[in-house]
PDB file of N, CA and C in Angstrom:
ATOM      1  N   MET A   1     -34.146  -4.536  26.196  1.00  0.00           N
ATOM      2  CA  MET A   1     -33.680  -3.172  26.028  1.00  0.00           C
ATOM      3  C   MET A   1     -32.243  -3.149  25.521  1.00  0.00           C
ATOM      4  N   LYS A   2     -31.371  -3.977  26.117  1.00  0.00           N
ATOM      5  CA  LYS A   2     -29.984  -4.006  25.676  1.00  0.00           C
ATOM      6  C   LYS A   2     -29.882  -4.472  24.233  1.00  0.00           C
ATOM      7  N   THR A   3     -30.706  -5.428  23.836  1.00  0.00           N
ATOM      8  CA  THR A   3     -30.686  -5.928  22.460  1.00  0.00           C
ATOM      9  C   THR A   3     -31.110  -4.836  21.487  1.00  0.00           C
ATOM     10  N   ALA A   4     -32.112  -4.058  21.845  1.00  0.00           N
ATOM     11  CA  ALA A   4     -32.579  -2.972  20.984  1.00  0.00           C
ATOM     12  C   ALA A   4     -31.496  -1.915  20.789  1.00  0.00           C
ATOM     13  N   ILE A   5     -30.791  -1.586  21.847  1.00  0.00           N
ATOM     14  CA  ILE A   5     -29.715  -0.591  21.765  1.00  0.00           C
ATOM     15  C   ILE A   5     -28.579  -1.120  20.902  1.00  0.00           C
ATOM     16  N   LYS A   6     -28.208  -2.385  21.105  1.00  0.00           N
ATOM     17  CA  LYS A   6     -27.142  -2.980  20.293  1.00  0.00           C
ATOM     18  C   LYS A   6     -27.539  -3.001  18.820  1.00  0.00           C
ATOM     19  N   THR A   7     -28.766  -3.357  18.533  1.00  0.00           N
ATOM     20  CA  THR A   7     -29.239  -3.402  17.147  1.00  0.00           C
ATOM     21  C   THR A   7     -29.213  -2.008  16.535  1.00  0.00           C
ATOM     22  N   MET A   8     -29.630  -1.002  17.293  1.00  0.00           N
ATOM     23  CA  MET A   8     -29.608   0.368  16.802  1.00  0.00           C
ATOM     24  C   MET A   8     -28.166   0.821  16.526  1.00  0.00           C
ATOM     25  N   MET A   9     -27.238   0.512  17.413  1.00  0.00           N
ATOM     26  CA  MET A   9     -25.840   0.906  17.246  1.00  0.00           C
ATOM     27  C   MET A   9     -25.232   0.241  16.010  1.00  0.00           C
ATOM     28  N   ILE A  10     -25.569  -1.012  15.771  1.00  0.00           N
ATOM     29  CA  ILE A  10     -25.071  -1.697  14.579  1.00  0.00           C
ATOM     30  C   ILE A  10     -25.630  -1.023  13.327  1.00  0.00           C
ATOM     31  N   GLY A  11     -26.922  -0.663  13.351  1.00  0.00           N
ATOM     32  CA  GLY A  11     -27.534   0.031  12.217  1.00  0.00           C
ATOM     33  C   GLY A  11     -26.873   1.365  11.929  1.00  0.00           C
ATOM     34  N   VAL A  12     -26.582   2.119  12.967  1.00  0.00           N
ATOM     35  CA  VAL A  12     -25.909   3.408  12.801  1.00  0.00           C
ATOM     36  C   VAL A  12     -24.511   3.199  12.217  1.00  0.00           C
ATOM     37  N   ALA A  13     -23.779   2.227  12.730  1.00  0.00           N
ATOM     38  CA  ALA A  13     -22.426   1.955  12.234  1.00  0.00           C
ATOM     39  C   ALA A  13     -22.448   1.559  10.762  1.00  0.00           C
ATOM     40  N   VAL A  14     -23.413   0.739  10.362  1.00  0.00           N
ATOM     41  CA  VAL A  14     -23.517   0.328   8.966  1.00  0.00           C
ATOM     42  C   VAL A  14     -23.775   1.537   8.077  1.00  0.00           C
ATOM     43  N   CYS A  15     -24.661   2.428   8.483  1.00  0.00           N
ATOM     44  CA  CYS A  15     -24.962   3.624   7.691  1.00  0.00           C
ATOM     45  C   CYS A  15     -23.749   4.539   7.578  1.00  0.00           C
ATOM     46  N   VAL A  16     -23.026   4.706   8.656  1.00  0.00           N
ATOM     47  CA  VAL A  16     -21.863   5.594   8.647  1.00  0.00           C
ATOM     48  C   VAL A  16     -20.776   5.058   7.742  1.00  0.00           C
ATOM     49  N   PHE A  17     -20.477   3.774   7.842  1.00  0.00           N
ATOM     50  CA  PHE A  17     -19.375   3.209   7.071  1.00  0.00           C
ATOM     51  C   PHE A  17     -19.755   2.875   5.636  1.00  0.00           C
ATOM     52  N   ALA A  18     -21.024   2.781   5.318  1.00  0.00           N
ATOM     53  CA  ALA A  18     -21.451   2.451   3.960  1.00  0.00           C
ATOM     54  C   ALA A  18     -21.399   3.656   3.029  1.00  0.00           C
ATOM     55  N   ALA A  19     -21.561   4.861   3.545  1.00  0.00           N
ATOM     56  CA  ALA A  19     -21.574   6.059   2.715  1.00  0.00           C
ATOM     57  C   ALA A  19     -20.155   6.436   2.318  1.00  0.00           C
ATOM     58  N   PRO A  20     -19.933   6.778   1.041  1.00  0.00           N
ATOM     59  CA  PRO A  20     -18.599   7.200   0.627  1.00  0.00           C
ATOM     60  C   PRO A  20     -18.250   8.549   1.242  1.00  0.00           C
ATOM     61  N   ALA A  21     -16.978   8.735   1.539  1.00  0.00           N
ATOM     62  CA  ALA A  21     -16.533  10.004   2.108  1.00  0.00           C
ATOM     63  C   ALA A  21     -16.568  11.068   1.023  1.00  0.00           C
ATOM     64  N   SER A  22     -17.322  12.136   1.240  1.00  0.00           N
ATOM     65  CA  SER A  22     -17.398  13.182   0.227  1.00  0.00           C
ATOM     66  C   SER A  22     -16.323  14.240   0.446  1.00  0.00           C
ATOM     67  N   ALA A  23     -15.839  14.378   1.662  1.00  0.00           N
ATOM     68  CA  ALA A  23     -14.796  15.363   1.946  1.00  0.00           C
ATOM     69  C   ALA A  23     -13.782  14.746   2.904  1.00  0.00           C
ATOM     70  N   TYR A  24     -12.517  14.986   2.620  1.00  0.00           N
ATOM     71  CA  TYR A  24     -11.461  14.507   3.505  1.00  0.00           C
ATOM     72  C   TYR A  24     -10.219  15.362   3.301  1.00  0.00           C
ATOM     73  N   THR A  25      -9.273  15.254   4.212  1.00  0.00           N
ATOM     74  CA  THR A  25      -8.045  16.039   4.169  1.00  0.00           C
ATOM     75  C   THR A  25      -6.843  15.110   4.148  1.00  0.00           C
ATOM     76  N   LEU A  26      -5.893  15.430   3.286  1.00  0.00           N
ATOM     77  CA  LEU A  26      -4.635  14.698   3.211  1.00  0.00           C
ATOM     78  C   LEU A  26      -3.510  15.642   3.608  1.00  0.00           C
ATOM     79  N   THR A  27      -2.559  15.140   4.376  1.00  0.00           N
ATOM     80  CA  THR A  27      -1.392  15.940   4.734  1.00  0.00           C
ATOM     81  C   THR A  27      -0.135  15.136   4.435  1.00  0.00           C
ATOM     82  N   GLY A  28       0.953  15.843   4.260  1.00  0.00           N
ATOM     83  CA  GLY A  28       2.219  15.162   3.991  1.00  0.00           C
ATOM     84  C   GLY A  28       3.319  16.177   3.810  1.00  0.00           C
ATOM     85  N   THR A  29       4.373  15.744   3.150  1.00  0.00           N
ATOM     86  CA  THR A  29       5.543  16.582   2.951  1.00  0.00           C
ATOM     87  C   THR A  29       5.956  16.545   1.488  1.00  0.00           C
ATOM     88  N   VAL A  30       6.191  17.727   0.917  1.00  0.00           N
ATOM     89  CA  VAL A  30       6.729  17.810  -0.437  1.00  0.00           C
ATOM     90  C   VAL A  30       8.225  17.544  -0.318  1.00  0.00           C
ATOM     91  N   LEU A  31       8.696  16.565  -1.064  1.00  0.00           N
ATOM     92  CA  LEU A  31      10.103  16.178  -1.001  1.00  0.00           C
ATOM     93  C   LEU A  31      11.009  17.312  -1.481  1.00  0.00           C
ATOM     94  N   PRO A  32      12.228  17.418  -0.928  1.00  0.00           N
ATOM     95  CA  PRO A  32      13.160  18.463  -1.365  1.00  0.00           C
ATOM     96  C   PRO A  32      13.869  18.074  -2.664  1.00  0.00           C
ATOM     97  N   ASN A  33      14.638  19.013  -3.191  1.00  0.00           N
ATOM     98  CA  ASN A  33      15.531  18.787  -4.326  1.00  0.00           C
ATOM     99  C   ASN A  33      14.823  18.335  -5.592  1.00  0.00           C
ATOM    100  N   ASP A  34      13.651  18.914  -5.862  1.00  0.00           N
ATOM    101  CA  ASP A  34      12.935  18.702  -7.122  1.00  0.00           C
ATOM    102  C   ASP A  34      12.496  17.253  -7.353  1.00  0.00           C
ATOM    103  N   LYS A  35      12.222  16.525  -6.287  1.00  0.00           N
ATOM    104  CA  LYS A  35      11.688  15.161  -6.407  1.00  0.00           C
ATOM    105  C   LYS A  35      10.164  15.244  -6.319  1.00  0.00           C
ATOM    106  N   ALA A  36       9.481  14.500  -7.176  1.00  0.00           N
ATOM    107  CA  ALA A  36       8.017  14.549  -7.211  1.00  0.00           C
ATOM    108  C   ALA A  36       7.421  13.842  -6.001  1.00  0.00           C
ATOM    109  N   THR A  37       6.411  14.466  -5.405  1.00  0.00           N
ATOM    110  CA  THR A  37       5.614  13.880  -4.331  1.00  0.00           C
ATOM    111  C   THR A  37       4.236  13.590  -4.907  1.00  0.00           C
ATOM    112  N   VAL A  38       3.857  12.317  -4.951  1.00  0.00           N
ATOM    113  CA  VAL A  38       2.560  11.935  -5.506  1.00  0.00           C
ATOM    114  C   VAL A  38       1.517  11.974  -4.394  1.00  0.00           C
ATOM    115  N   ILE A  39       0.391  12.649  -4.665  1.00  0.00           N
ATOM    116  CA  ILE A  39      -0.723  12.726  -3.724  1.00  0.00           C
ATOM    117  C   ILE A  39      -1.706  11.625  -4.104  1.00  0.00           C
ATOM    118  N   ASN A  40      -1.903  10.672  -3.225  1.00  0.00           N
ATOM    119  CA  ASN A  40      -2.793   9.544  -3.496  1.00  0.00           C
ATOM    120  C   ASN A  40      -4.189   9.845  -2.975  1.00  0.00           C
ATOM    121  N   LEU A  41      -5.112  10.100  -3.904  1.00  0.00           N
ATOM    122  CA  LEU A  41      -6.501  10.355  -3.540  1.00  0.00           C
ATOM    123  C   LEU A  41      -7.191   9.034  -3.229  1.00  0.00           C
ATOM    124  N   GLN A  42      -8.209   9.087  -2.371  1.00  0.00           N
ATOM    125  CA  GLN A  42      -8.956   7.877  -2.030  1.00  0.00           C
ATOM    126  C   GLN A  42      -9.678   7.356  -3.264  1.00  0.00           C
ATOM    127  N   LYS A  43      -9.653   6.051  -3.450  1.00  0.00           N
ATOM    128  CA  LYS A  43     -10.315   5.406  -4.590  1.00  0.00           C
ATOM    129  C   LYS A  43     -11.463   4.560  -4.076  1.00  0.00           C
ATOM    130  N   PRO A  44     -12.528   4.345  -4.826  1.00  0.00           N
ATOM    131  CA  PRO A  44     -12.812   4.972  -6.102  1.00  0.00           C
ATOM    132  C   PRO A  44     -13.268   6.415  -5.905  1.00  0.00           C
ATOM    133  N   ILE A  45     -13.084   7.207  -6.943  1.00  0.00           N
ATOM    134  CA  ILE A  45     -13.516   8.602  -6.912  1.00  0.00           C
ATOM    135  C   ILE A  45     -14.959   8.654  -7.412  1.00  0.00           C
ATOM    136  N   ALA A  46     -15.836   9.261  -6.623  1.00  0.00           N
ATOM    137  CA  ALA A  46     -17.259   9.327  -6.976  1.00  0.00           C
ATOM    138  C   ALA A  46     -17.445  10.111  -8.275  1.00  0.00           C
ATOM    139  N   PRO A  47     -18.436   9.743  -9.092  1.00  0.00           N
ATOM    140  CA  PRO A  47     -18.688  10.472 -10.341  1.00  0.00           C
ATOM    141  C   PRO A  47     -19.037  11.933 -10.070  1.00  0.00           C
ATOM    142  N   GLY A  48     -18.703  12.785 -11.024  1.00  0.00           N
ATOM    143  CA  GLY A  48     -18.984  14.212 -10.887  1.00  0.00           C
ATOM    144  C   GLY A  48     -17.704  15.014 -10.925  1.00  0.00           C
ATOM    145  N   PHE A  49     -17.647  16.073 -10.118  1.00  0.00           N
ATOM    146  CA  PHE A  49     -16.471  16.935 -10.058  1.00  0.00           C
ATOM    147  C   PHE A  49     -15.890  16.920  -8.655  1.00  0.00           C
ATOM    148  N   VAL A  50     -14.568  17.098  -8.581  1.00  0.00           N
ATOM    149  CA  VAL A  50     -13.849  17.065  -7.309  1.00  0.00           C
ATOM    150  C   VAL A  50     -13.052  18.363  -7.171  1.00  0.00           C
ATOM    151  N   LYS A  51     -13.162  18.983  -5.990  1.00  0.00           N
ATOM    152  CA  LYS A  51     -12.423  20.216  -5.693  1.00  0.00           C
ATOM    153  C   LYS A  51     -11.226  19.863  -4.821  1.00  0.00           C
ATOM    154  N   LEU A  52     -10.044  20.353  -5.221  1.00  0.00           N
ATOM    155  CA  LEU A  52      -8.817  20.190  -4.435  1.00  0.00           C
ATOM    156  C   LEU A  52      -8.372  21.562  -3.964  1.00  0.00           C
ATOM    157  N   ARG A  53      -8.214  21.720  -2.650  1.00  0.00           N
ATOM    158  CA  ARG A  53      -7.674  22.962  -2.076  1.00  0.00           C
ATOM    159  C   ARG A  53      -6.305  22.598  -1.505  1.00  0.00           C
ATOM    160  N   ILE A  54      -5.241  23.165  -2.106  1.00  0.00           N
ATOM    161  CA  ILE A  54      -3.875  22.837  -1.720  1.00  0.00           C
ATOM    162  C   ILE A  54      -3.295  24.033  -0.984  1.00  0.00           C
ATOM    163  N   THR A  55      -2.808  23.797   0.237  1.00  0.00           N
ATOM    164  CA  THR A  55      -2.270  24.856   1.083  1.00  0.00           C
ATOM    165  C   THR A  55      -0.832  24.522   1.459  1.00  0.00           C
ATOM    166  N   LEU A  56       0.037  25.544   1.395  1.00  0.00           N
ATOM    167  CA  LEU A  56       1.457  25.401   1.745  1.00  0.00           C
ATOM    168  C   LEU A  56       1.824  26.459   2.781  1.00  0.00           C
ATOM    169  N   PRO A  57       2.821  26.175   3.641  1.00  0.00           N
ATOM    170  CA  PRO A  57       3.212  27.165   4.659  1.00  0.00           C
ATOM    171  C   PRO A  57       3.926  28.371   4.033  1.00  0.00           C
ATOM    172  N   GLN A  58       4.035  29.431   4.824  1.00  0.00           N
ATOM    173  CA  GLN A  58       4.632  30.689   4.354  1.00  0.00           C
ATOM    174  C   GLN A  58       6.070  30.512   3.871  1.00  0.00           C
ATOM    175  N   ALA A  59       6.885  29.817   4.614  1.00  0.00           N
ATOM    176  CA  ALA A  59       8.295  29.637   4.246  1.00  0.00           C
ATOM    177  C   ALA A  59       8.705  28.218   4.578  1.00  0.00           C
ATOM    178  N   SER A  60       9.785  27.774   3.966  1.00  0.00           N
ATOM    179  CA  SER A  60      10.287  26.438   4.268  1.00  0.00           C
ATOM    180  C   SER A  60      10.830  26.409   5.688  1.00  0.00           C
ATOM    181  N   SER A  61      11.148  25.235   6.187  1.00  0.00           N
ATOM    182  CA  SER A  61      11.667  25.122   7.556  1.00  0.00           C
ATOM    183  C   SER A  61      12.994  25.843   7.715  1.00  0.00           C
ATOM    184  N   ALA A  62      13.685  26.102   6.609  1.00  0.00           N
ATOM    185  CA  ALA A  62      14.939  26.852   6.663  1.00  0.00           C
ATOM    186  C   ALA A  62      14.690  28.361   6.638  1.00  0.00           C
ATOM    187  N   GLY A  63      13.388  28.775   6.532  1.00  0.00           N
ATOM    188  CA  GLY A  63      13.046  30.184   6.557  1.00  0.00           C
ATOM    189  C   GLY A  63      13.119  30.876   5.211  1.00  0.00           C
ATOM    190  N   THR A  64      13.297  30.125   4.128  1.00  0.00           N
ATOM    191  CA  THR A  64      13.383  30.743   2.806  1.00  0.00           C
ATOM    192  C   THR A  64      12.082  30.582   2.040  1.00  0.00           C
ATOM    193  N   GLY A  65      11.793  31.546   1.170  1.00  0.00           N
ATOM    194  CA  GLY A  65      10.624  31.453   0.306  1.00  0.00           C
ATOM    195  C   GLY A  65      10.845  30.379  -0.748  1.00  0.00           C
ATOM    196  N   TYR A  66       9.779  29.948  -1.385  1.00  0.00           N
ATOM    197  CA  TYR A  66       9.904  28.871  -2.364  1.00  0.00           C
ATOM    198  C   TYR A  66       8.669  28.848  -3.253  1.00  0.00           C
ATOM    199  N   LEU A  67       8.748  28.129  -4.346  1.00  0.00           N
ATOM    200  CA  LEU A  67       7.625  27.847  -5.226  1.00  0.00           C
ATOM    201  C   LEU A  67       7.442  26.338  -5.290  1.00  0.00           C
ATOM    202  N   THR A  68       6.195  25.908  -5.321  1.00  0.00           N
ATOM    203  CA  THR A  68       5.887  24.490  -5.476  1.00  0.00           C
ATOM    204  C   THR A  68       5.089  24.322  -6.756  1.00  0.00           C
ATOM    205  N   ASP A  69       5.453  23.338  -7.557  1.00  0.00           N
ATOM    206  CA  ASP A  69       4.713  23.033  -8.774  1.00  0.00           C
ATOM    207  C   ASP A  69       3.641  22.008  -8.463  1.00  0.00           C
ATOM    208  N   PHE A  70       2.385  22.341  -8.820  1.00  0.00           N
ATOM    209  CA  PHE A  70       1.271  21.410  -8.719  1.00  0.00           C
ATOM    210  C   PHE A  70       0.991  20.910 -10.125  1.00  0.00           C
ATOM    211  N   CYS A  71       0.772  19.610 -10.263  1.00  0.00           N
ATOM    212  CA  CYS A  71       0.536  19.072 -11.590  1.00  0.00           C
ATOM    213  C   CYS A  71      -0.455  17.917 -11.539  1.00  0.00           C
ATOM    214  N   LEU A  72      -1.284  17.844 -12.566  1.00  0.00           N
ATOM    215  CA  LEU A  72      -2.163  16.707 -12.780  1.00  0.00           C
ATOM    216  C   LEU A  72      -1.835  16.197 -14.173  1.00  0.00           C
ATOM    217  N   GLY A  73      -1.353  14.969 -14.251  1.00  0.00           N
ATOM    218  CA  GLY A  73      -0.952  14.446 -15.552  1.00  0.00           C
ATOM    219  C   GLY A  73      -0.886  12.945 -15.565  1.00  0.00           C
ATOM    220  N   PRO A  74      -0.607  12.392 -16.743  1.00  0.00           N
ATOM    221  CA  PRO A  74      -0.523  10.938 -16.881  1.00  0.00           C
ATOM    222  C   PRO A  74       0.611  10.368 -16.042  1.00  0.00           C
ATOM    223  N   THR A  75       0.442   9.148 -15.628  1.00  0.00           N
ATOM    224  CA  THR A  75       1.470   8.514 -14.801  1.00  0.00           C
ATOM    225  C   THR A  75       2.688   8.107 -15.624  1.00  0.00           C
ATOM    226  N   THR A  76       2.575   8.129 -16.947  1.00  0.00           N
ATOM    227  CA  THR A  76       3.677   7.669 -17.787  1.00  0.00           C
ATOM    228  C   THR A  76       4.575   8.783 -18.301  1.00  0.00           C
ATOM    229  N   THR A  77       4.162  10.048 -18.196  1.00  0.00           N
ATOM    230  CA  THR A  77       4.974  11.153 -18.718  1.00  0.00           C
ATOM    231  C   THR A  77       5.131  12.251 -17.672  1.00  0.00           C
ATOM    232  N   ALA A  78       6.099  13.112 -17.936  1.00  0.00           N
ATOM    233  CA  ALA A  78       6.330  14.250 -17.034  1.00  0.00           C
ATOM    234  C   ALA A  78       5.254  15.309 -17.248  1.00  0.00           C
ATOM    235  N   CYS A  79       5.034  16.137 -16.252  1.00  0.00           N
ATOM    236  CA  CYS A  79       4.027  17.195 -16.316  1.00  0.00           C
ATOM    237  C   CYS A  79       4.490  18.292 -17.269  1.00  0.00           C
ATOM    238  N   LYS A  80       3.607  18.692 -18.173  1.00  0.00           N
ATOM    239  CA  LYS A  80       3.967  19.704 -19.163  1.00  0.00           C
ATOM    240  C   LYS A  80       3.613  21.125 -18.714  1.00  0.00           C
ATOM    241  N   LEU A  81       2.507  21.308 -18.002  1.00  0.00           N
ATOM    242  CA  LEU A  81       2.064  22.651 -17.601  1.00  0.00           C
ATOM    243  C   LEU A  81       1.739  22.701 -16.111  1.00  0.00           C
ATOM    244  N   PRO A  82       2.752  22.768 -15.250  1.00  0.00           N
ATOM    245  CA  PRO A  82       2.463  22.833 -13.816  1.00  0.00           C
ATOM    246  C   PRO A  82       1.911  24.190 -13.408  1.00  0.00           C
ATOM    247  N   ILE A  83       1.171  24.207 -12.309  1.00  0.00           N
ATOM    248  CA  ILE A  83       0.701  25.445 -11.689  1.00  0.00           C
ATOM    249  C   ILE A  83       1.653  25.741 -10.543  1.00  0.00           C
ATOM    250  N   GLN A  84       2.249  26.934 -10.514  1.00  0.00           N
ATOM    251  CA  GLN A  84       3.191  27.267  -9.443  1.00  0.00           C
ATOM    252  C   GLN A  84       2.451  27.892  -8.274  1.00  0.00           C
ATOM    253  N   ILE A  85       2.731  27.368  -7.081  1.00  0.00           N
ATOM    254  CA  ILE A  85       2.122  27.860  -5.847  1.00  0.00           C
ATOM    255  C   ILE A  85       3.228  28.472  -4.989  1.00  0.00           C
ATOM    256  N   PRO A  86       3.200  29.783  -4.716  1.00  0.00           N
ATOM    257  CA  PRO A  86       4.186  30.372  -3.809  1.00  0.00           C
ATOM    258  C   PRO A  86       3.930  29.906  -2.374  1.00  0.00           C
ATOM    259  N   GLY A  87       4.986  29.793  -1.582  1.00  0.00           N
ATOM    260  CA  GLY A  87       4.829  29.448  -0.176  1.00  0.00           C
ATOM    261  C   GLY A  87       3.889  30.413   0.512  1.00  0.00           C
ATOM    262  N   GLY A  88       3.039  29.908   1.389  1.00  0.00           N
ATOM    263  CA  GLY A  88       2.090  30.733   2.103  1.00  0.00           C
ATOM    264  C   GLY A  88       0.791  30.946   1.352  1.00  0.00           C
ATOM    265  N   GLN A  89       0.656  30.376   0.189  1.00  0.00           N
ATOM    266  CA  GLN A  89      -0.539  30.542  -0.630  1.00  0.00           C
ATOM    267  C   GLN A  89      -1.321  29.232  -0.685  1.00  0.00           C
ATOM    268  N   GLN A  90      -2.533  29.320  -1.202  1.00  0.00           N
ATOM    269  CA  GLN A  90      -3.315  28.132  -1.469  1.00  0.00           C
ATOM    270  C   GLN A  90      -3.988  28.306  -2.818  1.00  0.00           C
ATOM    271  N   ILE A  91      -4.221  27.187  -3.472  1.00  0.00           N
ATOM    272  CA  ILE A  91      -4.961  27.222  -4.729  1.00  0.00           C
ATOM    273  C   ILE A  91      -6.144  26.273  -4.606  1.00  0.00           C
ATOM    274  N   VAL A  92      -7.161  26.545  -5.404  1.00  0.00           N
ATOM    275  CA  VAL A  92      -8.316  25.665  -5.485  1.00  0.00           C
ATOM    276  C   VAL A  92      -8.482  25.301  -6.952  1.00  0.00           C
ATOM    277  N   VAL A  93      -8.516  24.003  -7.231  1.00  0.00           N
ATOM    278  CA  VAL A  93      -8.726  23.516  -8.586  1.00  0.00           C
ATOM    279  C   VAL A  93      -9.881  22.529  -8.576  1.00  0.00           C
ATOM    280  N   ILE A  94     -10.621  22.492  -9.685  1.00  0.00           N
ATOM    281  CA  ILE A  94     -11.747  21.575  -9.801  1.00  0.00           C
ATOM    282  C   ILE A  94     -11.542  20.739 -11.061  1.00  0.00           C
ATOM    283  N   TYR A  95     -11.630  19.427 -10.900  1.00  0.00           N
ATOM    284  CA  TYR A  95     -11.466  18.494 -12.011  1.00  0.00           C
ATOM    285  C   TYR A  95     -12.632  17.520 -12.034  1.00  0.00           C
ATOM    286  N   SER A  96     -12.890  16.962 -13.194  1.00  0.00           N
ATOM    287  CA  SER A  96     -13.889  15.889 -13.276  1.00  0.00           C
ATOM    288  C   SER A  96     -13.283  14.642 -12.646  1.00  0.00           C
ATOM    289  N   SER A  97     -14.129  13.807 -12.078  1.00  0.00           N
ATOM    290  CA  SER A  97     -13.637  12.580 -11.453  1.00  0.00           C
ATOM    291  C   SER A  97     -12.982  11.671 -12.486  1.00  0.00           C
ATOM    292  N   ALA A  98     -13.455  11.708 -13.742  1.00  0.00           N
ATOM    293  CA  ALA A  98     -12.847  10.889 -14.799  1.00  0.00           C
ATOM    294  C   ALA A  98     -11.400  11.317 -15.042  1.00  0.00           C
ATOM    295  N   THR A  99     -11.146  12.630 -15.046  1.00  0.00           N
ATOM    296  CA  THR A  99      -9.783  13.139 -15.239  1.00  0.00           C
ATOM    297  C   THR A  99      -8.889  12.731 -14.073  1.00  0.00           C
ATOM    298  N   LEU A 100      -9.385  12.862 -12.847  1.00  0.00           N
ATOM    299  CA  LEU A 100      -8.588  12.488 -11.673  1.00  0.00           C
ATOM    300  C   LEU A 100      -8.303  10.987 -11.635  1.00  0.00           C
ATOM    301  N   SER A 101      -9.241  10.181 -12.105  1.00  0.00           N
ATOM    302  CA  SER A 101      -9.057   8.727 -12.076  1.00  0.00           C
ATOM    303  C   SER A 101      -7.957   8.271 -13.021  1.00  0.00           C
ATOM    304  N   LYS A 102      -7.730   9.010 -14.101  1.00  0.00           N
ATOM    305  CA  LYS A 102      -6.768   8.603 -15.129  1.00  0.00           C
ATOM    306  C   LYS A 102      -5.396   9.246 -14.963  1.00  0.00           C
ATOM    307  N   ASN A 103      -5.249  10.175 -14.039  1.00  0.00           N
ATOM    308  CA  ASN A 103      -4.006  10.928 -13.893  1.00  0.00           C
ATOM    309  C   ASN A 103      -3.507  10.899 -12.458  1.00  0.00           C
ATOM    310  N   LYS A 104      -2.262  11.370 -12.281  1.00  0.00           N
ATOM    311  CA  LYS A 104      -1.704  11.478 -10.935  1.00  0.00           C
ATOM    312  C   LYS A 104      -1.587  12.945 -10.552  1.00  0.00           C
ATOM    313  N   VAL A 105      -1.722  13.212  -9.263  1.00  0.00           N
ATOM    314  CA  VAL A 105      -1.552  14.548  -8.707  1.00  0.00           C
ATOM    315  C   VAL A 105      -0.170  14.583  -8.065  1.00  0.00           C
ATOM    316  N   THR A 106       0.661  15.556  -8.458  1.00  0.00           N
ATOM    317  CA  THR A 106       2.007  15.642  -7.888  1.00  0.00           C
ATOM    318  C   THR A 106       2.324  17.059  -7.433  1.00  0.00           C
ATOM    319  N   LEU A 107       3.204  17.146  -6.438  1.00  0.00           N
ATOM    320  CA  LEU A 107       3.782  18.409  -5.979  1.00  0.00           C
ATOM    321  C   LEU A 107       5.295  18.260  -6.081  1.00  0.00           C
ATOM    322  N   ARG A 108       5.975  19.350  -6.448  1.00  0.00           N
ATOM    323  CA  ARG A 108       7.434  19.305  -6.605  1.00  0.00           C
ATOM    324  C   ARG A 108       7.989  20.678  -6.247  1.00  0.00           C
ATOM    325  N   GLN A 109       9.100  20.706  -5.504  1.00  0.00           N
ATOM    326  CA  GLN A 109       9.752  21.980  -5.180  1.00  0.00           C
ATOM    327  C   GLN A 109      11.251  21.772  -5.093  1.00  0.00           C
ATOM    328  N   ALA A 110      12.004  22.853  -5.308  1.00  0.00           N
ATOM    329  CA  ALA A 110      13.446  22.742  -5.488  1.00  0.00           C
ATOM    330  C   ALA A 110      14.282  23.150  -4.278  1.00  0.00           C
ATOM    331  N   THR A 111      13.664  23.448  -3.134  1.00  0.00           N
ATOM    332  CA  THR A 111      14.480  23.816  -1.978  1.00  0.00           C
ATOM    333  C   THR A 111      15.194  22.579  -1.427  1.00  0.00           C
ATOM    334  N   ILE A 112      16.124  22.808  -0.535  1.00  0.00           N
ATOM    335  CA  ILE A 112      16.869  21.677   0.034  1.00  0.00           C
ATOM    336  C   ILE A 112      16.180  21.089   1.262  1.00  0.00           C
ATOM    337  N   THR A 113      15.072  21.711   1.688  1.00  0.00           N
ATOM    338  CA  THR A 113      14.327  21.187   2.836  1.00  0.00           C
ATOM    339  C   THR A 113      12.925  20.768   2.407  1.00  0.00           C
ATOM    340  N   ALA A 114      12.388  19.797   3.103  1.00  0.00           N
ATOM    341  CA  ALA A 114      11.024  19.349   2.827  1.00  0.00           C
ATOM    342  C   ALA A 114      10.021  20.410   3.288  1.00  0.00           C
ATOM    343  N   VAL A 115       8.863  20.459   2.631  1.00  0.00           N
ATOM    344  CA  VAL A 115       7.828  21.448   2.929  1.00  0.00           C
ATOM    345  C   VAL A 115       6.508  20.711   3.168  1.00  0.00           C
ATOM    346  N   PRO A 116       5.809  20.985   4.283  1.00  0.00           N
ATOM    347  CA  PRO A 116       4.530  20.313   4.520  1.00  0.00           C
ATOM    348  C   PRO A 116       3.433  20.853   3.600  1.00  0.00           C
ATOM    349  N   TYR A 117       2.442  20.015   3.337  1.00  0.00           N
ATOM    350  CA  TYR A 117       1.293  20.443   2.542  1.00  0.00           C
ATOM    351  C   TYR A 117       0.008  19.920   3.162  1.00  0.00           C
ATOM    352  N   VAL A 118      -1.103  20.562   2.797  1.00  0.00           N
ATOM    353  CA  VAL A 118      -2.440  20.110   3.174  1.00  0.00           C
ATOM    354  C   VAL A 118      -3.272  20.128   1.904  1.00  0.00           C
ATOM    355  N   VAL A 119      -3.946  19.021   1.600  1.00  0.00           N
ATOM    356  CA  VAL A 119      -4.849  18.951   0.457  1.00  0.00           C
ATOM    357  C   VAL A 119      -6.226  18.578   0.989  1.00  0.00           C
ATOM    358  N   GLU A 120      -7.178  19.482   0.792  1.00  0.00           N
ATOM    359  CA  GLU A 120      -8.574  19.197   1.157  1.00  0.00           C
ATOM    360  C   GLU A 120      -9.289  18.753  -0.110  1.00  0.00           C
ATOM    361  N   VAL A 121      -9.932  17.603  -0.045  1.00  0.00           N
ATOM    362  CA  VAL A 121     -10.615  17.022  -1.195  1.00  0.00           C
ATOM    363  C   VAL A 121     -12.121  17.018  -0.892  1.00  0.00           C
ATOM    364  N   ASP A 122     -12.906  17.533  -1.841  1.00  0.00           N
ATOM    365  CA  ASP A 122     -14.354  17.600  -1.619  1.00  0.00           C
ATOM    366  C   ASP A 122     -15.055  17.420  -2.956  1.00  0.00           C
ATOM    367  N   SER A 123     -16.221  16.771  -2.929  1.00  0.00           N
ATOM    368  CA  SER A 123     -17.012  16.645  -4.150  1.00  0.00           C
ATOM    369  C   SER A 123     -17.768  17.944  -4.382  1.00  0.00           C
ATOM    370  N   VAL A 124     -18.006  18.258  -5.650  1.00  0.00           N
ATOM    371  CA  VAL A 124     -18.715  19.470  -6.034  1.00  0.00           C
ATOM    372  C   VAL A 124     -20.123  19.061  -6.440  1.00  0.00           C
ATOM    373  N   PRO A 125     -21.149  19.639  -5.809  1.00  0.00           N
ATOM    374  CA  PRO A 125     -22.518  19.243  -6.144  1.00  0.00           C
ATOM    375  C   PRO A 125     -22.919  19.636  -7.558  1.00  0.00           C
TER     376      PRO A 125
END
């Protein structure tokens, strides 16, 4: 009986860890003073489309409003067309996995205090 239970538990563990994560959450801090914060997505990225939901708090820790630039671009050049996210807002963007694999995701803001962020990553069926 104990052997059967152990074998079953090993089988369950193998199934759980073998499947790629389709949804996960990343948290961190957007650096102050206009320094880029790179968001490192889990690799490899499954084929298809990926949805990113980026959420920022209402105000910085100093209590002031702010804008954060979200950008997806090549790792060798600066971002040309950032999406501005006001504090307290969230955006949802969908990209192909091929685009995400070749580019970096960055957040940047110009306040003097760091700002926390939450990025929810999910595959799109």
